[in-house]
Amino acid sequence: DHRIIDGREAVLSLVAIKEALEYPASALLEL
């Protein structure tokens, strides 16, 4: 079911955004 994959990716994206907000310097270094 593609909805499961979309949901998982959405969660991973939210986690990545949350980490980027908490650690902007390290997030920029990863780009």
PDB file of N, CA and C in Angstrom:
ATOM      1  N   ASP A   1       0.852  -1.195   0.000  1.00  0.00           N
ATOM      2  CA  ASP A   1       0.000   0.000   0.000  1.00  0.00           C
ATOM      3  C   ASP A   1       0.886   1.243   0.000  1.00  0.00           C
ATOM      4  N   HIS A   2       0.725   2.080  -0.999  1.00  0.00           N
ATOM      5  CA  HIS A   2       1.594   3.253  -1.108  1.00  0.00           C
ATOM      6  C   HIS A   2       1.348   4.244   0.020  1.00  0.00           C
ATOM      7  N   ARG A   3       0.174   4.178   0.642  1.00  0.00           N
ATOM      8  CA  ARG A   3      -0.114   5.123   1.728  1.00  0.00           C
ATOM      9  C   ARG A   3       0.804   4.882   2.916  1.00  0.00           C
ATOM     10  N   ILE A   4       1.161   3.623   3.146  1.00  0.00           N
ATOM     11  CA  ILE A   4       2.067   3.314   4.253  1.00  0.00           C
ATOM     12  C   ILE A   4       3.431   3.941   3.989  1.00  0.00           C
ATOM     13  N   ILE A   5       3.906   3.818   2.755  1.00  0.00           N
ATOM     14  CA  ILE A   5       5.205   4.398   2.408  1.00  0.00           C
ATOM     15  C   ILE A   5       5.142   5.917   2.537  1.00  0.00           C
ATOM     16  N   ASP A   6       4.071   6.530   2.027  1.00  0.00           N
ATOM     17  CA  ASP A   6       3.947   7.986   2.112  1.00  0.00           C
ATOM     18  C   ASP A   6       3.926   8.433   3.569  1.00  0.00           C
ATOM     19  N   GLY A   7       3.216   7.702   4.409  1.00  0.00           N
ATOM     20  CA  GLY A   7       3.135   8.069   5.818  1.00  0.00           C
ATOM     21  C   GLY A   7       4.489   7.956   6.491  1.00  0.00           C
ATOM     22  N   ARG A   8       5.223   6.885   6.153  1.00  0.00           N
ATOM     23  CA  ARG A   8       6.545   6.690   6.746  1.00  0.00           C
ATOM     24  C   ARG A   8       7.474   7.807   6.303  1.00  0.00           C
ATOM     25  N   GLU A   9       7.421   8.160   5.035  1.00  0.00           N
ATOM     26  CA  GLU A   9       8.294   9.227   4.537  1.00  0.00           C
ATOM     27  C   GLU A   9       7.907  10.561   5.168  1.00  0.00           C
ATOM     28  N   ALA A  10       6.614  10.769   5.388  1.00  0.00           N
ATOM     29  CA  ALA A  10       6.168  12.014   6.008  1.00  0.00           C
ATOM     30  C   ALA A  10       6.713  12.109   7.427  1.00  0.00           C
ATOM     31  N   VAL A  11       6.685  10.987   8.149  1.00  0.00           N
ATOM     32  CA  VAL A  11       7.209  10.984   9.517  1.00  0.00           C
ATOM     33  C   VAL A  11       8.708  11.256   9.504  1.00  0.00           C
ATOM     34  N   LEU A  12       9.419  10.612   8.584  1.00  0.00           N
ATOM     35  CA  LEU A  12      10.867  10.819   8.508  1.00  0.00           C
ATOM     36  C   LEU A  12      11.172  12.267   8.163  1.00  0.00           C
ATOM     37  N   SER A  13      10.360  12.858   7.300  1.00  0.00           N
ATOM     38  CA  SER A  13      10.575  14.257   6.919  1.00  0.00           C
ATOM     39  C   SER A  13      10.339  15.165   8.119  1.00  0.00           C
ATOM     40  N   LEU A  14       9.293  14.881   8.892  1.00  0.00           N
ATOM     41  CA  LEU A  14       9.008  15.699  10.068  1.00  0.00           C
ATOM     42  C   LEU A  14      10.145  15.592  11.073  1.00  0.00           C
ATOM     43  N   VAL A  15      10.681  14.394  11.239  1.00  0.00           N
ATOM     44  CA  VAL A  15      11.800  14.208  12.166  1.00  0.00           C
ATOM     45  C   VAL A  15      13.011  14.990  11.674  1.00  0.00           C
ATOM     46  N   ALA A  16      13.265  14.940  10.369  1.00  0.00           N
ATOM     47  CA  ALA A  16      14.411  15.653   9.806  1.00  0.00           C
ATOM     48  C   ALA A  16      14.249  17.152   9.995  1.00  0.00           C
ATOM     49  N   ILE A  17      13.028  17.649   9.781  1.00  0.00           N
ATOM     50  CA  ILE A  17      12.775  19.085   9.960  1.00  0.00           C
ATOM     51  C   ILE A  17      12.957  19.462  11.426  1.00  0.00           C
ATOM     52  N   LYS A  18      12.441  18.612  12.324  1.00  0.00           N
ATOM     53  CA  LYS A  18      12.568  18.885  13.755  1.00  0.00           C
ATOM     54  C   LYS A  18      14.035  18.950  14.156  1.00  0.00           C
ATOM     55  N   GLU A  19      14.834  18.002  13.648  1.00  0.00           N
ATOM     56  CA  GLU A  19      16.258  17.999  13.978  1.00  0.00           C
ATOM     57  C   GLU A  19      16.950  19.211  13.382  1.00  0.00           C
ATOM     58  N   ALA A  20      16.534  19.613  12.176  1.00  0.00           N
ATOM     59  CA  ALA A  20      17.148  20.773  11.529  1.00  0.00           C
ATOM     60  C   ALA A  20      16.866  22.033  12.341  1.00  0.00           C
ATOM     61  N   LEU A  21      15.670  22.111  12.921  1.00  0.00           N
ATOM     62  CA  LEU A  21      15.328  23.280  13.730  1.00  0.00           C
ATOM     63  C   LEU A  21      16.103  23.274  15.046  1.00  0.00           C
ATOM     64  N   GLU A  22      16.331  22.075  15.588  1.00  0.00           N
ATOM     65  CA  GLU A  22      17.034  21.981  16.864  1.00  0.00           C
ATOM     66  C   GLU A  22      18.539  22.127  16.692  1.00  0.00           C
ATOM     67  N   TYR A  23      19.050  21.621  15.560  1.00  0.00           N
ATOM     68  CA  TYR A  23      20.490  21.671  15.324  1.00  0.00           C
ATOM     69  C   TYR A  23      20.766  22.240  13.927  1.00  0.00           C
ATOM     70  N   PRO A  24      20.491  23.536  13.724  1.00  0.00           N
ATOM     71  CA  PRO A  24      20.636  24.134  12.387  1.00  0.00           C
ATOM     72  C   PRO A  24      22.055  24.039  11.842  1.00  0.00           C
ATOM     73  N   ALA A  25      23.052  24.188  12.681  1.00  0.00           N
ATOM     74  CA  ALA A  25      24.435  24.166  12.203  1.00  0.00           C
ATOM     75  C   ALA A  25      24.780  22.794  11.632  1.00  0.00           C
ATOM     76  N   SER A  26      24.478  21.736  12.364  1.00  0.00           N
ATOM     77  CA  SER A  26      24.811  20.396  11.891  1.00  0.00           C
ATOM     78  C   SER A  26      23.975  20.035  10.668  1.00  0.00           C
ATOM     79  N   ALA A  27      22.735  20.521  10.610  1.00  0.00           N
ATOM     80  CA  ALA A  27      21.880  20.233   9.459  1.00  0.00           C
ATOM     81  C   ALA A  27      22.469  20.869   8.207  1.00  0.00           C
ATOM     82  N   LEU A  28      22.991  22.075   8.340  1.00  0.00           N
ATOM     83  CA  LEU A  28      23.575  22.750   7.180  1.00  0.00           C
ATOM     84  C   LEU A  28      24.829  22.025   6.716  1.00  0.00           C
ATOM     85  N   LEU A  29      25.592  21.483   7.656  1.00  0.00           N
ATOM     86  CA  LEU A  29      26.818  20.779   7.290  1.00  0.00           C
ATOM     87  C   LEU A  29      26.508  19.500   6.522  1.00  0.00           C
ATOM     88  N   GLU A  30      25.319  18.937   6.740  1.00  0.00           N
ATOM     89  CA  GLU A  30      24.974  17.685   6.069  1.00  0.00           C
ATOM     90  C   GLU A  30      24.540  17.914   4.635  1.00  0.00           C
ATOM     91  N   LEU A  31      24.152  19.117   4.276  1.00  0.00           N
ATOM     92  CA  LEU A  31      23.659  19.388   2.917  1.00  0.00           C
ATOM     93  C   LEU A  31      24.786  19.275   1.907  1.00  0.00           C
TER      94      LEU A  31
END
